[in-house]
Amino acid sequence: MKISLLGPVEVRADDGSLLDLGGARLRTLLIRLALEPRRTVSHDALVDAVWADEPPANSSNALQQLVSRLRRRGLPIHADSAGYRLELAESDIDIFSSEPTGPWRGPALAEVADRDFARAHLTRLSELRAQAAEETATTIGDLEALAAEHPLRERPVELLMRALWRLGRPAEALAAFERYRDLVAEQLGADPSPALAALNVEILRGQQPDRPSLPVALTSFVGRDGDLSQLRELLGTTRLVTLTGPGGSGKTRLALETARLLAAQPAGGDAAVRLVELAPLGEAVEVPTAILAALGIREHTLLIHRGVAVDAQDPIDRVIAALSHRRLLLILDNCEHLLDPVARVAEAVLTTCPGVTVLATSREPLGLIGETLWPVEPLPGLAAVAMLTDRARAVKPGFDAEADELDRLCLALDRMPLAIELAAARLRTLSLHQLTSRIDERFRLLTGGSRTALPRHQTLRAVVDWSWDLCDEQERAVWRALSVFHGGATLGAIEAVAGAEAFDHLSGLVDKSLVNAEGERYSMLETIREYGLDRLGPADRAALEGAHAAYFAELAEQAEPHLRESTQIEWLAVLRADHDNLHAALRRRIAARDTATAIQLVAGLGWYWWLSGYRAEGSSLAAEALALPEAGEPSLQRRAIALTMAALNVIDGRGDMVRAKEWFQQASALVTESGPAHPLLKMVQPTTLLASWDLASAPELLPAYRVLFADPDPWVAATARAFHAHTLVNIGQTGPQAKADFETALALYRTVGDRWGMSLALEALSMMEAQEGDFAASAQRALEADGLLTVLGTSEDLLQLRLRLAQAQWFLGDTDGSIATIAAAERQAEKLGSSFGRAATAFAWASYARLQGDFVKANRLLCKAAELIDTDIVAPQFRAIHAGAFGLVAAAEGDFDLARRQHTIAVETAIASADAPVIGYILVGCADLSLREGDPLLAATLLGAAEAMNGAVDHSILDRPRIDTEVRAILGEERFVAAYRRGLAATIPSLPKLTGLPLSLSA
């Protein structure tokens, strides 16, 4: 968690999301605590901070309520007898940064600027911000703004005078001095410093300043504050630093800004920096000449080296003589096409001129001993957006757009500064949407850079052409091969596609900043990859894509069995790292109508999709693969596995039971021919029956699972036990046998180390223990399952599990914990973009609001859930419970007609789901309506019918304890028991008469 006070207070969660902090008092309390992190702030100090001179009557209670609201938002606030403390490190709060120059969003502590507790911090931060602004100002406009903002500070005036003087505007420089002298005399009765007065005299006498050694910046510098700070420190200890990176990454600009920063230091000065522009040079002999020219030394100038006149003919000797007595930062810009001569000159200078430091920019290292490389990475996301916005407004005043859309374009441009500059120029004639939608044509679109820029910087293609020309033919071949990968690749994958000798040439591409090496993976920026694809002919591309698909099909098939074992985390990491490659391979094989490889990929990826939450996407890809012609496909078992996994994923991902049933039946027929060697194929027969599930056919399903209890594969035996138990629960037999099956399944899953299987059994046991009323045990099981799924990364299954945990916490009286758990589930749903997850959390909040008596809020949240489930395929069980919740709210508000209609929908939908416990759950809601309408006998009967459906009393239903207590109090125990027993005899066909609802059982 990060707190930002350099501007309006902001708090970001660990996932980067912005927290809603509420009103002014809540924000003030957080600011006061954040100013003293990990230190207890007294009650009195906090009350004074929040309410100043008008504290409430019960200030302790009011303060505690504010603290509770902050805790519910995830803030780690701890209490002790003296007060409260914020348990965050200073590094998590921006005002304690040693150099808070980058993240300013406005005046610091603006919301509490008039409070006594903030004044000392404001003084310190204002000074820091002023110093930082002075160090980073690069234009006349920046300096004029600084001088106006801090009229009594001398440094902005000095910098402004020097800048105007160097630009040939001495009159304006003198006028700036006069304004400053009059102001300090009037307000302070003082004079400017002797140094500033001396500068004024120099300008008056008409002395010429040193020729600017660095070009004046024409645009703002964005997003590299961290690089600037670290490079400044690095150049104080290292004499050769090379900025590396692909063309257009901003190496030159970063070098210049670093030099400006160093020149602005007291020991620096503009004369201590010289820029040598090597890009226009074509010959090695021109390098020393270019250095001498940058130093202002003509060809025949007599040089002095160690007190002796030197008339050297060797250009390198002349460079050494010119630099031997100087303290200087020498910038060698754009070295990549002249690496050998530049390296020779740099080495000679560094070994003989101790006062010289070299800062080079190159797509490839110079390769000298002592060289420190500084890779210039793509801009961070926010910085890229800021740069695009700034440049777009320069060409299109008033330009504005949503940050998300800007970020999408920047991401497509690899967040590379030159590409962003070129894209911004295109916004003169294209809308942002048009530009983003056509970015696949980047090499045609991104042209028209500055006319005065180097030719290779005027179009995006020219930038990459320059890199292509610097590669030899073997490096180009590896570049072309690597372009068929998506998201990078391991060395083994690259060698499988590009050939066993690829590594030698891959190293050259890494050196040239065309390939990034991170750990064991190699990747290209999208622009570089697209260029490689453009260089491939149709036949070569087809061959490379075929080799790529063959490698990843084998990888998926190799990983698949390990996904059900203790090594599943390691293998999931392997597949997740190559997710883009795996899906690209499958899509290409589908497009190429390569049935055999496509089916091999679906069979290998099916369980990965299941575990990683790609069930909807996976089932869509599987459908396309399975629709290809079967001719020539050698493996019946692979097709059977592919059909089985496609069916499982389409049930959960899209709720398409019709398609799932069809695929299960096809898989079952193939198993008869090929034999069920694969663990999933052993489950095909009962799973095919499950696809045709109804309560009447359940007895046929149970024996099909029991046959597998003794299977030699413990994973198969565990899964059979778990689904046998689920079947028992679904038909209303939630007794000891079901629980024992889940316990056995859990033990078997533990023996094989399958975390998904363990979580499956633990969640079921958590459900059963909640139904039994043992909420502590239920919470413990849910927490263990949560830990397993979190490690596994199965995000979608976590949502329902966390809502189950929230329910147990509610029953245990841990209201704050329950609310925090629902909030965590909600964040997870938002992150996943899951319509069902967002609907489920909205439903949970609605239940909480209803129990608090806030029926307006409950209805609003239920309507939100309804909108969300309309956009997604949702199980009938959830739709039934959702309709029942509407009925509960309507009954509580006294609208019994509406409640009756909603409960009718709920019962019919529950019956259609063939899920007995859900029917029982809905009948409790019907009992609530009967009680409110004045029919306690019917309410007691419906409570009995709920138990009959479920097979036991379900203590996890929130409203049941209240209804049971009220009905018993009205009827007395004897009448209650008699009515309840009538309900225990209920069957589904008897429900229309029993409930009095106009049910249509054909639903």
Foldseek 3Di string as FASTA:
>chain_A
DAWEQLEQIWDADPVRDTFDQDDLLLSQLVVLQLVPAPDFDFLVRSQCSRPNPDADPCNVVVVVVSVLVVVLSPFDWDDDPGHIHGHDDNVRYQLSDPQSAAPRPDHGPVSRCVPPSCPVSSVVVVVSNLVSLLLQDQDLVSLVVSCVVVVQDCSSLQVNLVVCLLVVNNVVNLVSQVVSQVVCCVPPVDGDDPVSVVVNVCSVVVPHDDHQQADRDPAHDFFCVVVLVVVLVVVVPAQAEEEAAAFLQCLVVSVRSSLSSQCSDPPHNRLQEHEQECVVDDDLQCRLVSLCVSNVHDPQDWFAAPNDTDRDPRSLVVSLRSQQPGQHEYEAEECANPLVSVLVSVVSNVVRRVNYGYYYYANFDSPDPRYHYDYRAAGPQVRLLVLLVRLLCVLPPPDDDDSVLSSLQCVLVNNRNLLSNQLSNLCNPDPSVVCSVPCLVQQVRRAQDDPPDDPLSRGLVSSVVVVVVSADPLLLLLLLLQLLADLWDFPVLSCLQSNVVNVVSVVVCVRSNQWDDDPRTIHGRNSSSSVSPVVDDPVSVVSSLVSLLVVVLVLLQVLQVVCLFQCNLVSLVVCVSRVVSLVSSLVVCLVVLVLQSNLSSLLSCLVSCVLQVVLQVSLVSLVSSVPRDPPPHDDLLSLLSSLQSSLVSCCVRAVPLVSSLVSLVSSLVSCVVPPQPDLSSLCSVLVNVVSVDALVCLVVNLVSLVVQCPPPQLQSNLVSLQVSLVSCQQQQNLDPSSLVSLVSSLVSSVVRNNLVSNLSSLQVNLQSCQQVVNLVSSLVSLVSNLVSSVSSNRLVVNLVSLQSNLLSCVSVVNPSVSSSSLVVQCVSCVVVVQLQSNLVSLQSVLVVCVVVVNLVSSVVSLVSSVVSCVVGPDQLLVVLVSLLSVLLSCLVVPNLVSSLVSLQSSLLSSNVNNGLLSNLLSLQSLLVSCVSVPNLLLSLLSNLLSCLSRVHRGNSNVCVVVSVVVSCVVQPDVSSVVSSVNSNPDDSVCVCVSSVHPHDNVD
